[in-house]
Amino acid sequence: MGKKNIDDYLTEGMYGTRRPKEEEREQFLGTLRERIVIALTKGQVMSDRALEELEEAMKNNTQAKLLINGHVAYRFLQEERKLADKYNIPYTTITNKENETDIGAVLTYDYAIDKEEIFIESEPEEESEETNETENGSFFSRIKQWFE
């Protein structure tokens, strides 16, 4: 890197010091991907589909902290907060009005752990049932088709 010029000083004065990987921090509620143990989407948080995985991650990572998306309604986050209290894991609600992310909650450290897989895959059984239901239609719509 070269020397700072006057424009760099002015920019830092107006906007603050530039942090690396800012887009990544915006996506993961202020933390970096390399620090994350487990990340839940908003859909997983609202439907409580990943509670077992989150609890297992909290059992194994008691020194981590939980970051919660402030754009998710409080009622959907009650179970996650109960788990955090159960394992004495501090949690913080992050509300960033400038940026929108699909991440609902993140269990993270203050340092890099470089975990390969941080996302929980959706259960294929549930998806296949939903697709069969939508492809075939409801029971009454199939009967209606017989009489048409």
Protein backbone atom coordinates (compact mmCIF):
# COMPACT_ATOMS: atom_id res chain seq x y z
CA MET A 1 0.00 0.00 0.00
CA GLY A 2 1.15 3.48 -0.75
CA LYS A 3 1.08 6.55 1.43
CA LYS A 4 -2.23 8.08 2.34
CA ASN A 5 -3.13 11.22 0.48
CA ILE A 6 -5.38 14.05 1.60
CA ASP A 7 -8.47 12.40 0.04
CA ASP A 8 -7.94 9.27 2.16
CA TYR A 9 -7.81 11.34 5.35
CA LEU A 10 -10.95 13.26 4.38
CA THR A 11 -12.83 10.06 3.55
CA GLU A 12 -11.82 8.47 6.87
CA GLY A 13 -12.88 11.60 8.71
CA MET A 14 -16.31 11.68 7.09
CA TYR A 15 -17.17 7.97 6.97
CA GLY A 16 -14.84 6.32 9.49
CA THR A 17 -12.10 3.82 8.90
CA ARG A 18 -12.86 1.40 6.09
CA ARG A 19 -13.17 -2.18 7.29
CA PRO A 20 -12.29 -5.15 5.09
CA LYS A 21 -15.06 -7.45 3.82
CA GLU A 22 -17.83 -4.96 4.56
CA GLU A 23 -20.37 -6.78 2.34
CA GLU A 24 -19.73 -10.00 4.24
CA ARG A 25 -20.26 -8.21 7.56
CA GLU A 26 -23.55 -6.79 6.29
CA GLN A 27 -24.77 -10.24 5.24
CA PHE A 28 -23.77 -12.03 8.47
CA LEU A 29 -25.11 -9.49 11.01
CA GLY A 30 -21.82 -7.70 11.58
CA THR A 31 -19.46 -10.67 11.75
CA LEU A 32 -17.29 -12.47 9.22
CA ARG A 33 -18.04 -15.88 7.70
CA GLU A 34 -14.76 -17.34 9.00
CA ARG A 35 -15.95 -16.76 12.60
CA ILE A 36 -19.35 -18.47 12.28
CA VAL A 37 -20.23 -21.81 13.85
CA ILE A 38 -23.77 -21.98 12.47
CA ALA A 39 -25.98 -19.60 10.49
CA LEU A 40 -29.77 -19.82 10.32
CA THR A 41 -31.91 -18.18 7.66
CA LYS A 42 -34.96 -16.13 8.58
CA GLY A 43 -37.20 -18.98 7.43
CA GLN A 44 -35.42 -21.49 9.67
CA VAL A 45 -35.70 -19.14 12.65
CA MET A 46 -39.39 -18.42 12.07
CA SER A 47 -40.34 -22.08 11.65
CA ASP A 48 -38.03 -23.44 14.39
CA ARG A 49 -36.79 -26.11 11.93
CA ALA A 50 -33.14 -25.86 13.00
CA LEU A 51 -33.49 -25.75 16.78
CA GLU A 52 -31.88 -29.15 17.31
CA GLU A 53 -28.84 -28.20 15.24
CA LEU A 54 -28.59 -24.85 17.00
CA GLU A 55 -28.79 -26.50 20.42
CA GLU A 56 -26.07 -29.00 19.48
CA ALA A 57 -23.85 -26.16 18.25
CA MET A 58 -24.45 -24.24 21.50
CA LYS A 59 -23.55 -27.31 23.59
CA ASN A 60 -20.26 -27.67 21.74
CA ASN A 61 -19.41 -23.94 21.57
CA THR A 62 -20.23 -22.43 24.96
CA GLN A 63 -17.79 -19.54 24.45
CA ALA A 64 -19.57 -18.32 21.31
CA LYS A 65 -22.21 -15.59 21.13
CA LEU A 66 -25.52 -15.46 19.31
CA LEU A 67 -26.34 -12.62 16.93
CA ILE A 68 -30.04 -12.24 16.14
CA ASN A 69 -31.55 -10.32 13.23
CA GLY A 70 -33.67 -7.46 14.63
CA HIS A 71 -35.96 -7.52 11.59
CA VAL A 72 -37.39 -10.89 12.70
CA ALA A 73 -40.37 -10.56 15.03
CA TYR A 74 -39.68 -11.19 18.72
CA ARG A 75 -42.18 -14.06 18.97
CA PHE A 76 -40.21 -16.11 16.44
CA LEU A 77 -36.98 -15.75 18.42
CA GLN A 78 -38.19 -16.93 21.82
CA GLU A 79 -36.89 -20.50 21.44
CA GLU A 80 -33.44 -19.33 20.29
CA ARG A 81 -33.20 -16.98 23.28
CA LYS A 82 -34.24 -19.77 25.67
CA LEU A 83 -31.49 -21.98 24.27
CA ALA A 84 -28.94 -19.19 24.65
CA ASP A 85 -29.99 -18.68 28.27
CA LYS A 86 -29.86 -22.43 28.91
CA TYR A 87 -26.22 -22.64 27.78
CA ASN A 88 -25.20 -19.20 29.16
CA ILE A 89 -24.48 -17.83 25.71
CA PRO A 90 -24.79 -14.06 25.37
CA TYR A 91 -27.02 -12.83 22.55
CA THR A 92 -27.35 -9.51 20.80
CA THR A 93 -30.07 -8.24 18.49
CA ILE A 94 -28.65 -6.55 15.39
CA THR A 95 -30.90 -4.12 13.52
CA ASN A 96 -29.36 -2.54 10.45
CA LYS A 97 -31.96 -0.48 8.62
CA GLU A 98 -29.65 0.26 5.69
CA ASN A 99 -28.99 -3.36 4.75
CA GLU A 100 -31.33 -6.32 4.32
CA THR A 101 -30.12 -9.89 4.80
CA ASP A 102 -31.78 -13.30 4.73
CA ILE A 103 -29.80 -14.43 7.80
CA GLY A 104 -31.98 -14.78 10.91
CA ALA A 105 -29.43 -15.80 13.56
CA VAL A 106 -25.71 -16.54 13.74
CA LEU A 107 -23.67 -18.37 16.39
CA THR A 108 -20.21 -16.84 16.18
CA TYR A 109 -16.85 -16.29 17.87
CA ASP A 110 -14.70 -13.16 18.03
CA TYR A 111 -11.93 -14.95 16.16
CA ALA A 112 -11.66 -17.10 13.04
CA ILE A 113 -12.54 -20.80 13.26
CA ASP A 114 -12.85 -21.43 9.49
CA LYS A 115 -15.69 -23.95 9.65
CA GLU A 116 -16.39 -25.37 6.21
CA GLU A 117 -20.20 -25.78 6.37
CA ILE A 118 -22.10 -23.16 8.38
CA PHE A 119 -25.56 -23.44 6.84
CA ILE A 120 -28.16 -26.07 7.69
CA GLU A 121 -29.63 -27.79 4.68
CA SER A 122 -33.41 -27.99 4.42
CA GLU A 123 -34.90 -31.38 5.11
CA PRO A 124 -35.64 -33.06 1.77
CA GLU A 125 -38.59 -35.05 3.16
CA GLU A 126 -40.59 -31.91 3.87
CA GLU A 127 -39.82 -30.45 0.48
CA SER A 128 -40.86 -33.60 -1.38
CA GLU A 129 -44.19 -33.73 0.45
CA GLU A 130 -44.86 -30.09 -0.40
CA THR A 131 -44.00 -30.55 -4.06
CA ASN A 132 -46.18 -33.67 -4.35
CA GLU A 133 -49.08 -31.79 -2.83
CA THR A 134 -48.71 -28.82 -5.18
CA GLU A 135 -48.09 -30.98 -8.28
CA ASN A 136 -51.10 -33.21 -7.70
CA GLY A 137 -53.30 -30.50 -6.23
CA SER A 138 -55.55 -30.98 -3.25
CA PHE A 139 -57.89 -33.93 -2.89
CA PHE A 140 -60.94 -31.85 -3.78
CA SER A 141 -59.36 -30.35 -6.89
CA ARG A 142 -58.55 -33.86 -8.18
CA ILE A 143 -62.15 -34.97 -7.65
CA LYS A 144 -63.36 -31.82 -9.38
CA GLN A 145 -61.21 -32.67 -12.40
CA TRP A 146 -63.01 -36.03 -12.75
CA PHE A 147 -66.34 -34.28 -13.29
CA GLU A 148 -65.10 -31.68 -15.76
